[in-house]
Amino acid sequence: MRQEAVYEELEYLDKIRYGLKPNSEIYIKKDKNNNIFNYISDDSRVGTLNDGITTSILKDNTNFITLNELIQSKEKKNGKEVKFVIFKCCVIENVWIVVKLSDNGYTIIDAFSEKSTSNNFNDFDFNYFQNREAETDIYKYINFSFETMENLLQTTSSGFRMQFKDSLFNKLQIEFENRKEEENEILN
């Protein structure tokens, strides 16, 4: 997978924010050298994740860079093929999904509900209560690959499906009104 393609896919996530929990951030996993790319190398074990990736690391935001930070600090590397990039985002149901982006598409590798702790209690959004049922529903899609992020969200998030339908309906309504205005201008 080319680096440019990875950046394009990650930047596209910003355009489908309506399908995510409002005001939530999109995080991209980085390594100890602040590199988000996991390169394909000759000794690479294809299809396996780094040994250092654990659930506790995935939940700790210090191991991640935000999407906005990534876009601002985009840099070209030495042309190596990217094996995969890991990112996480919070769907409308207040469940965090951890996704691996690779040539195979988008693969959910973990899911967990946001839990209030003494560290982030004030940041916890009580309008979006923890939904264990939604988290459990996502578990069946772990290790399942989706061609696009929209397909992943359409399949795993009922909230995204509703937002998508509303967004599509609004776009069609605006298009209909614009065409009606154009017809009226032509007739007058």
Protein backbone atom coordinates (compact mmCIF):
# COMPACT_ATOMS: atom_id res chain seq x y z
CA MET A 1 0.00 0.00 0.00
CA ARG A 2 1.46 3.38 -1.00
CA GLN A 3 1.90 6.08 1.64
CA GLU A 4 -0.13 8.52 -0.43
CA ALA A 5 -3.04 6.08 -0.49
CA VAL A 6 -2.84 5.68 3.29
CA TYR A 7 -2.96 9.46 3.76
CA GLU A 8 -5.91 9.73 1.36
CA GLU A 9 -7.84 7.06 3.26
CA LEU A 10 -7.08 8.63 6.65
CA GLU A 11 -8.02 12.12 5.42
CA TYR A 12 -11.31 10.71 4.10
CA LEU A 13 -12.17 9.69 7.67
CA ASP A 14 -12.48 13.38 8.46
CA LYS A 15 -15.25 13.66 5.85
CA ILE A 16 -17.40 10.96 7.42
CA ARG A 17 -17.27 12.33 10.97
CA TYR A 18 -21.07 12.54 10.97
CA GLY A 19 -20.99 8.79 11.53
CA LEU A 20 -18.86 9.08 14.65
CA LYS A 21 -19.59 10.27 18.16
CA PRO A 22 -19.81 14.09 18.07
CA ASN A 23 -16.65 15.91 19.18
CA SER A 24 -14.70 12.66 19.42
CA GLU A 25 -11.20 12.45 18.01
CA ILE A 26 -9.75 9.99 15.52
CA TYR A 27 -6.44 8.56 16.73
CA ILE A 28 -3.71 6.87 14.68
CA LYS A 29 -1.31 4.44 16.41
CA LYS A 30 2.34 5.47 16.46
CA ASP A 31 5.45 3.56 17.46
CA LYS A 32 8.25 4.65 19.80
CA ASN A 33 9.79 6.65 16.92
CA ASN A 34 6.46 8.48 16.33
CA ASN A 35 6.05 6.63 13.03
CA ILE A 36 2.50 5.62 12.08
CA PHE A 37 3.51 3.30 9.25
CA ASN A 38 4.25 -0.38 9.73
CA TYR A 39 6.47 -1.19 6.78
CA ILE A 40 6.67 -4.43 4.86
CA SER A 41 10.13 -5.90 5.28
CA ASP A 42 11.81 -9.06 4.05
CA ASP A 43 11.49 -10.77 7.44
CA SER A 44 7.91 -9.57 7.92
CA ARG A 45 5.28 -12.01 9.13
CA VAL A 46 2.40 -11.05 6.85
CA GLY A 47 -0.96 -10.86 8.58
CA THR A 48 0.37 -10.57 12.12
CA LEU A 49 0.38 -7.49 14.30
CA ASN A 50 3.34 -6.20 16.27
CA ASP A 51 3.89 -8.17 19.46
CA GLY A 52 3.70 -4.91 21.41
CA ILE A 53 0.07 -4.21 20.51
CA THR A 54 -2.13 -5.06 23.48
CA THR A 55 -5.57 -3.94 24.60
CA SER A 56 -4.08 -1.68 27.27
CA ILE A 57 -1.87 0.04 24.67
CA LEU A 58 -4.84 0.48 22.33
CA LYS A 59 -6.82 2.20 25.09
CA ASP A 60 -3.97 4.57 26.06
CA ASN A 61 -4.04 7.70 23.87
CA THR A 62 -0.35 8.45 24.52
CA ASN A 63 0.42 5.73 21.94
CA PHE A 64 -1.59 7.58 19.28
CA ILE A 65 -1.49 10.78 17.22
CA THR A 66 -4.70 12.62 16.33
CA LEU A 67 -5.86 12.78 12.72
CA ASN A 68 -5.46 16.57 12.69
CA GLU A 69 -1.87 16.30 13.93
CA LEU A 70 -1.14 13.70 11.26
CA ILE A 71 -2.52 15.84 8.44
CA GLN A 72 -0.47 18.83 9.60
CA SER A 73 2.77 16.86 9.88
CA LYS A 74 2.47 14.75 6.73
CA GLU A 75 5.87 13.75 5.50
CA LYS A 76 7.19 11.60 2.70
CA LYS A 77 9.28 8.61 3.64
CA ASN A 78 11.62 6.55 1.53
CA GLY A 79 9.07 4.94 -0.78
CA LYS A 80 8.67 1.70 1.14
CA GLU A 81 5.37 -0.10 0.93
CA VAL A 82 3.18 0.32 4.00
CA LYS A 83 1.98 -2.94 5.54
CA PHE A 84 -0.75 -1.44 7.72
CA VAL A 85 -1.79 1.52 9.84
CA ILE A 86 -3.85 1.23 13.02
CA PHE A 87 -6.36 3.87 14.09
CA LYS A 88 -9.27 4.11 16.49
CA CYS A 89 -12.46 6.14 16.53
CA CYS A 90 -15.62 6.28 18.61
CA VAL A 91 -18.87 5.37 16.85
CA ILE A 92 -22.16 7.05 17.72
CA GLU A 93 -23.05 4.27 20.16
CA ASN A 94 -20.07 5.34 22.34
CA VAL A 95 -18.01 2.27 21.46
CA TRP A 96 -14.39 2.69 20.40
CA ILE A 97 -13.34 0.56 17.46
CA VAL A 98 -9.69 -0.12 16.66
CA VAL A 99 -9.18 -0.60 12.93
CA LYS A 100 -6.25 -1.87 10.87
CA LEU A 101 -6.02 -0.25 7.43
CA SER A 102 -4.11 -2.37 4.91
CA ASP A 103 -4.32 -3.61 1.32
CA ASN A 104 -7.07 -5.94 2.52
CA GLY A 105 -9.22 -2.96 3.52
CA TYR A 106 -10.46 -1.94 6.95
CA THR A 107 -10.33 -4.66 9.61
CA ILE A 108 -11.69 -4.23 13.14
CA ILE A 109 -9.11 -5.62 15.57
CA ASP A 110 -10.67 -4.52 18.87
CA ALA A 111 -13.70 -2.78 20.38
CA PHE A 112 -14.29 -1.34 23.82
CA SER A 113 -16.75 0.98 25.55
CA GLU A 114 -15.64 4.27 26.99
CA LYS A 115 -15.50 3.88 30.74
CA SER A 116 -15.29 6.79 33.15
CA THR A 117 -12.29 6.73 35.46
CA SER A 118 -10.94 9.15 38.01
CA ASN A 119 -8.52 10.37 35.32
CA ASN A 120 -11.07 11.26 32.66
CA PHE A 121 -14.31 11.52 34.67
CA ASN A 122 -14.78 15.21 33.79
CA ASP A 123 -14.24 14.49 30.10
CA PHE A 124 -16.78 11.66 30.04
CA ASP A 125 -19.83 12.56 27.96
CA PHE A 126 -22.90 11.40 29.86
CA ASN A 127 -25.11 12.08 26.84
CA TYR A 128 -23.59 8.97 25.29
CA PHE A 129 -23.87 6.29 27.94
CA GLN A 130 -21.80 3.16 27.80
CA ASN A 131 -23.57 0.68 25.56
CA ARG A 132 -22.40 -2.84 26.31
CA GLU A 133 -24.89 -4.30 23.83
CA ALA A 134 -23.46 -2.21 20.98
CA GLU A 135 -19.95 -3.24 22.00
CA THR A 136 -20.97 -6.91 22.04
CA ASP A 137 -22.60 -6.54 18.61
CA ILE A 138 -19.32 -5.25 17.17
CA TYR A 139 -17.34 -8.24 18.50
CA LYS A 140 -18.72 -10.48 15.74
CA TYR A 141 -17.02 -8.21 13.17
CA ILE A 142 -13.54 -8.42 14.71
CA ASN A 143 -11.05 -9.66 12.07
CA PHE A 144 -13.63 -9.10 9.33
CA SER A 145 -12.37 -6.93 6.44
CA PHE A 146 -14.43 -4.18 4.82
CA GLU A 147 -13.63 -2.54 1.50
CA THR A 148 -14.35 0.98 2.75
CA MET A 149 -14.76 2.71 6.09
CA GLU A 150 -18.33 3.59 5.15
CA ASN A 151 -19.10 -0.12 4.65
CA LEU A 152 -17.59 -0.87 8.06
CA LEU A 153 -19.69 1.83 9.74
CA GLN A 154 -22.85 0.88 7.82
CA THR A 155 -22.48 -2.70 9.04
CA THR A 156 -21.45 -2.11 12.65
CA SER A 157 -23.26 1.08 13.68
CA SER A 158 -27.03 1.58 13.57
CA GLY A 159 -26.42 5.22 14.53
CA PHE A 160 -24.24 5.67 11.44
CA ARG A 161 -26.93 4.12 9.24
CA MET A 162 -29.47 6.65 10.55
CA GLN A 163 -27.03 9.57 10.13
CA PHE A 164 -26.12 8.36 6.64
CA LYS A 165 -29.79 8.20 5.60
CA ASP A 166 -30.46 11.66 7.07
CA SER A 167 -27.39 13.09 5.35
CA LEU A 168 -28.34 11.51 2.03
CA PHE A 169 -31.93 12.73 2.34
CA ASN A 170 -30.74 16.28 3.11
CA LYS A 171 -28.39 16.27 0.10
CA LEU A 172 -31.19 15.02 -2.17
CA GLN A 173 -33.57 17.65 -0.77
CA ILE A 174 -31.05 20.43 -1.46
CA GLU A 175 -30.44 19.08 -4.98
CA PHE A 176 -34.21 18.94 -5.61
CA GLU A 177 -34.67 22.53 -4.41
CA ASN A 178 -31.75 23.75 -6.55
CA ARG A 179 -33.17 22.12 -9.66
CA LYS A 180 -36.60 23.54 -8.92
CA GLU A 181 -35.08 27.04 -8.65
CA GLU A 182 -33.22 26.53 -11.94
CA GLU A 183 -36.45 25.47 -13.66
CA ASN A 184 -38.26 28.52 -12.29
CA GLU A 185 -35.47 30.81 -13.53
CA ILE A 186 -35.64 29.25 -17.00
CA LEU A 187 -39.43 29.64 -17.13
CA ASN A 188 -39.28 33.28 -16.02
